[in-house]
N, C-alpha and C. Protein backbone atom coordinates (compact mmCIF):
# COMPACT_ATOMS: atom_id res chain seq x y z
N MET A 1 0.85 -1.18 0.00
CA MET A 1 0.00 0.00 0.00
C MET A 1 0.89 1.24 0.00
N ALA A 2 0.62 2.15 -0.91
CA ALA A 2 1.41 3.37 -1.03
C ALA A 2 1.01 4.37 0.05
N ASN A 3 1.95 5.20 0.43
CA ASN A 3 1.68 6.26 1.38
C ASN A 3 0.95 7.38 0.65
N THR A 4 -0.30 7.66 1.02
CA THR A 4 -1.09 8.65 0.30
C THR A 4 -1.31 9.93 1.10
N LYS A 5 -0.50 10.16 2.12
CA LYS A 5 -0.68 11.36 2.92
C LYS A 5 -0.42 12.62 2.10
N LYS A 6 0.60 12.61 1.26
CA LYS A 6 0.94 13.79 0.45
C LYS A 6 0.16 13.83 -0.86
N VAL A 7 -0.03 12.69 -1.48
CA VAL A 7 -0.59 12.68 -2.83
C VAL A 7 -2.10 12.49 -2.86
N GLY A 8 -2.72 12.20 -1.74
CA GLY A 8 -4.17 12.09 -1.68
C GLY A 8 -4.70 10.88 -2.42
N SER A 9 -5.82 11.08 -3.11
CA SER A 9 -6.49 9.96 -3.77
C SER A 9 -5.74 9.44 -4.99
N SER A 10 -4.75 10.20 -5.48
CA SER A 10 -4.00 9.73 -6.65
C SER A 10 -2.90 8.75 -6.26
N GLY A 11 -2.80 8.40 -5.00
CA GLY A 11 -1.82 7.42 -4.57
C GLY A 11 -2.07 6.05 -5.15
N ARG A 12 -3.29 5.82 -5.60
CA ARG A 12 -3.61 4.52 -6.20
C ARG A 12 -2.93 4.32 -7.54
N PHE A 13 -2.42 5.40 -8.16
CA PHE A 13 -1.72 5.29 -9.44
C PHE A 13 -0.23 5.03 -9.29
N GLY A 14 0.29 5.20 -8.08
CA GLY A 14 1.72 4.97 -7.86
C GLY A 14 2.55 6.02 -8.57
N VAL A 15 3.56 5.59 -9.32
CA VAL A 15 4.43 6.53 -10.02
C VAL A 15 4.01 6.70 -11.48
N ARG A 16 2.90 6.14 -11.88
CA ARG A 16 2.47 6.19 -13.27
C ARG A 16 1.76 7.50 -13.63
N TYR A 17 1.73 7.84 -14.89
CA TYR A 17 0.95 8.92 -15.51
C TYR A 17 1.48 10.32 -15.31
N GLY A 18 2.48 10.56 -14.53
CA GLY A 18 3.06 11.88 -14.37
C GLY A 18 2.45 12.68 -13.24
N ARG A 19 3.23 13.61 -12.74
CA ARG A 19 2.82 14.37 -11.56
C ARG A 19 1.67 15.34 -11.86
N ARG A 20 1.72 16.00 -13.02
CA ARG A 20 0.69 16.99 -13.33
C ARG A 20 -0.68 16.35 -13.50
N LEU A 21 -0.73 15.24 -14.19
CA LEU A 21 -2.01 14.56 -14.37
C LEU A 21 -2.58 14.06 -13.05
N ARG A 22 -1.71 13.52 -12.21
CA ARG A 22 -2.18 13.03 -10.91
C ARG A 22 -2.67 14.17 -10.03
N SER A 23 -2.02 15.33 -10.09
CA SER A 23 -2.47 16.45 -9.27
C SER A 23 -3.79 17.02 -9.79
N LYS A 24 -4.01 16.97 -11.11
CA LYS A 24 -5.29 17.40 -11.67
C LYS A 24 -6.42 16.48 -11.22
N ILE A 25 -6.14 15.20 -11.18
CA ILE A 25 -7.14 14.22 -10.74
C ILE A 25 -7.51 14.46 -9.28
N VAL A 26 -6.51 14.77 -8.46
CA VAL A 26 -6.76 15.03 -7.04
C VAL A 26 -7.68 16.24 -6.89
N SER A 27 -7.43 17.31 -7.64
CA SER A 27 -8.26 18.51 -7.50
C SER A 27 -9.68 18.28 -7.97
N VAL A 28 -9.87 17.51 -9.04
CA VAL A 28 -11.21 17.21 -9.53
C VAL A 28 -11.96 16.32 -8.54
N GLU A 29 -11.28 15.31 -8.02
CA GLU A 29 -11.95 14.38 -7.11
C GLU A 29 -12.28 15.03 -5.77
N LYS A 30 -11.49 16.00 -5.35
CA LYS A 30 -11.78 16.70 -4.11
C LYS A 30 -13.10 17.46 -4.21
N VAL A 31 -13.31 18.11 -5.35
CA VAL A 31 -14.55 18.85 -5.56
C VAL A 31 -15.71 17.88 -5.77
N GLN A 32 -15.48 16.84 -6.53
CA GLN A 32 -16.53 15.88 -6.87
C GLN A 32 -17.08 15.15 -5.65
N ARG A 33 -16.20 14.77 -4.73
CA ARG A 33 -16.64 14.01 -3.56
C ARG A 33 -17.10 14.87 -2.42
N GLY A 34 -16.90 16.18 -2.52
CA GLY A 34 -17.35 17.08 -1.47
C GLY A 34 -18.82 17.43 -1.62
N LYS A 35 -19.32 18.24 -0.73
CA LYS A 35 -20.72 18.66 -0.78
C LYS A 35 -20.85 19.87 -1.69
N GLN A 36 -21.92 19.89 -2.47
CA GLN A 36 -22.19 20.96 -3.42
C GLN A 36 -23.45 21.72 -3.00
N LYS A 37 -23.69 22.85 -3.63
CA LYS A 37 -24.84 23.67 -3.30
C LYS A 37 -26.08 23.17 -4.05
N CYS A 38 -27.14 22.91 -3.31
CA CYS A 38 -28.39 22.43 -3.89
C CYS A 38 -29.10 23.60 -4.58
N PRO A 39 -29.58 23.41 -5.82
CA PRO A 39 -30.27 24.51 -6.51
C PRO A 39 -31.66 24.79 -5.97
N TYR A 40 -32.21 23.90 -5.16
CA TYR A 40 -33.56 24.07 -4.64
C TYR A 40 -33.57 24.73 -3.27
N CYS A 41 -32.83 24.18 -2.32
CA CYS A 41 -32.84 24.74 -0.97
C CYS A 41 -31.64 25.65 -0.70
N LYS A 42 -30.72 25.75 -1.66
CA LYS A 42 -29.56 26.66 -1.59
C LYS A 42 -28.60 26.35 -0.44
N ARG A 43 -28.56 25.09 0.01
CA ARG A 43 -27.62 24.70 1.07
C ARG A 43 -26.56 23.79 0.48
N SER A 44 -25.45 23.71 1.12
CA SER A 44 -24.35 22.87 0.65
C SER A 44 -24.51 21.45 1.16
N THR A 45 -25.54 20.78 0.67
CA THR A 45 -25.83 19.43 1.14
C THR A 45 -26.01 18.43 0.02
N ALA A 46 -25.73 18.81 -1.23
CA ALA A 46 -25.90 17.90 -2.36
C ALA A 46 -24.67 17.02 -2.51
N LYS A 47 -24.89 15.73 -2.67
CA LYS A 47 -23.80 14.78 -2.87
C LYS A 47 -24.00 14.07 -4.19
N ARG A 48 -22.91 13.63 -4.78
CA ARG A 48 -22.95 12.97 -6.08
C ARG A 48 -23.36 11.52 -5.92
N VAL A 49 -24.36 11.09 -6.69
CA VAL A 49 -24.82 9.71 -6.68
C VAL A 49 -24.10 8.94 -7.79
N ALA A 50 -24.10 9.49 -8.98
CA ALA A 50 -23.43 8.92 -10.14
C ALA A 50 -23.02 10.08 -11.03
N ALA A 51 -22.44 9.80 -12.17
CA ALA A 51 -21.99 10.86 -13.07
C ALA A 51 -23.19 11.69 -13.53
N GLY A 52 -23.26 12.94 -13.09
CA GLY A 52 -24.33 13.84 -13.48
C GLY A 52 -25.60 13.72 -12.66
N ILE A 53 -25.65 12.85 -11.67
CA ILE A 53 -26.83 12.69 -10.82
C ILE A 53 -26.45 13.09 -9.40
N TRP A 54 -27.23 14.00 -8.84
CA TRP A 54 -26.95 14.55 -7.52
C TRP A 54 -28.17 14.39 -6.62
N ASN A 55 -27.94 14.25 -5.32
CA ASN A 55 -29.01 14.10 -4.35
C ASN A 55 -28.74 15.03 -3.17
N CYS A 56 -29.76 15.82 -2.82
CA CYS A 56 -29.64 16.72 -1.67
C CYS A 56 -30.10 15.97 -0.42
N THR A 57 -29.27 15.96 0.60
CA THR A 57 -29.61 15.24 1.81
C THR A 57 -30.56 16.04 2.70
N LYS A 58 -30.66 17.34 2.50
CA LYS A 58 -31.54 18.18 3.33
C LYS A 58 -32.98 18.16 2.82
N CYS A 59 -33.18 18.51 1.54
CA CYS A 59 -34.55 18.55 1.01
C CYS A 59 -34.91 17.28 0.25
N ASN A 60 -33.99 16.32 0.17
CA ASN A 60 -34.20 15.01 -0.43
C ASN A 60 -34.63 15.09 -1.90
N SER A 61 -34.10 16.06 -2.62
CA SER A 61 -34.41 16.16 -4.05
C SER A 61 -33.26 15.55 -4.85
N LYS A 62 -33.62 14.86 -5.91
CA LYS A 62 -32.63 14.27 -6.80
C LYS A 62 -32.70 15.03 -8.11
N PHE A 63 -31.55 15.47 -8.62
CA PHE A 63 -31.52 16.29 -9.82
C PHE A 63 -30.28 15.99 -10.62
N THR A 64 -30.24 16.52 -11.83
CA THR A 64 -29.09 16.32 -12.69
C THR A 64 -28.26 17.59 -12.73
N GLY A 65 -27.00 17.40 -13.07
CA GLY A 65 -26.08 18.51 -13.18
C GLY A 65 -24.91 18.09 -14.02
N LYS A 66 -23.80 18.74 -13.85
CA LYS A 66 -22.60 18.35 -14.57
C LYS A 66 -22.02 17.09 -13.93
N ALA A 67 -21.05 16.49 -14.59
CA ALA A 67 -20.52 15.21 -14.14
C ALA A 67 -19.77 15.31 -12.81
N TYR A 68 -18.97 16.37 -12.64
CA TYR A 68 -18.13 16.46 -11.45
C TYR A 68 -18.57 17.53 -10.46
N ILE A 69 -19.29 18.54 -10.94
CA ILE A 69 -19.83 19.58 -10.06
C ILE A 69 -21.29 19.81 -10.43
N VAL A 70 -22.03 20.42 -9.54
CA VAL A 70 -23.46 20.64 -9.80
C VAL A 70 -23.64 21.60 -10.98
N GLY A 71 -22.87 22.64 -11.03
CA GLY A 71 -23.00 23.62 -12.13
C GLY A 71 -23.90 24.77 -11.73
N GLU A 72 -23.99 25.70 -12.60
CA GLU A 72 -24.77 26.92 -12.31
C GLU A 72 -26.06 26.90 -13.06
């Protein structure tokens, strides 16, 4: 198991694919897995269910958006 304290979720790639690509993946995944703003109740409680499908845990609404972020 690789030490992922510094490299985050891109530690699963090891030394492959280059540093810049791995750092881009880390930044995208950090936003994708975090909580987003719900367009209905305007709170940061929407989580990603699948690519482009989001679910708000507060108002329990399921909606579509962009693949990695909810979008505007």
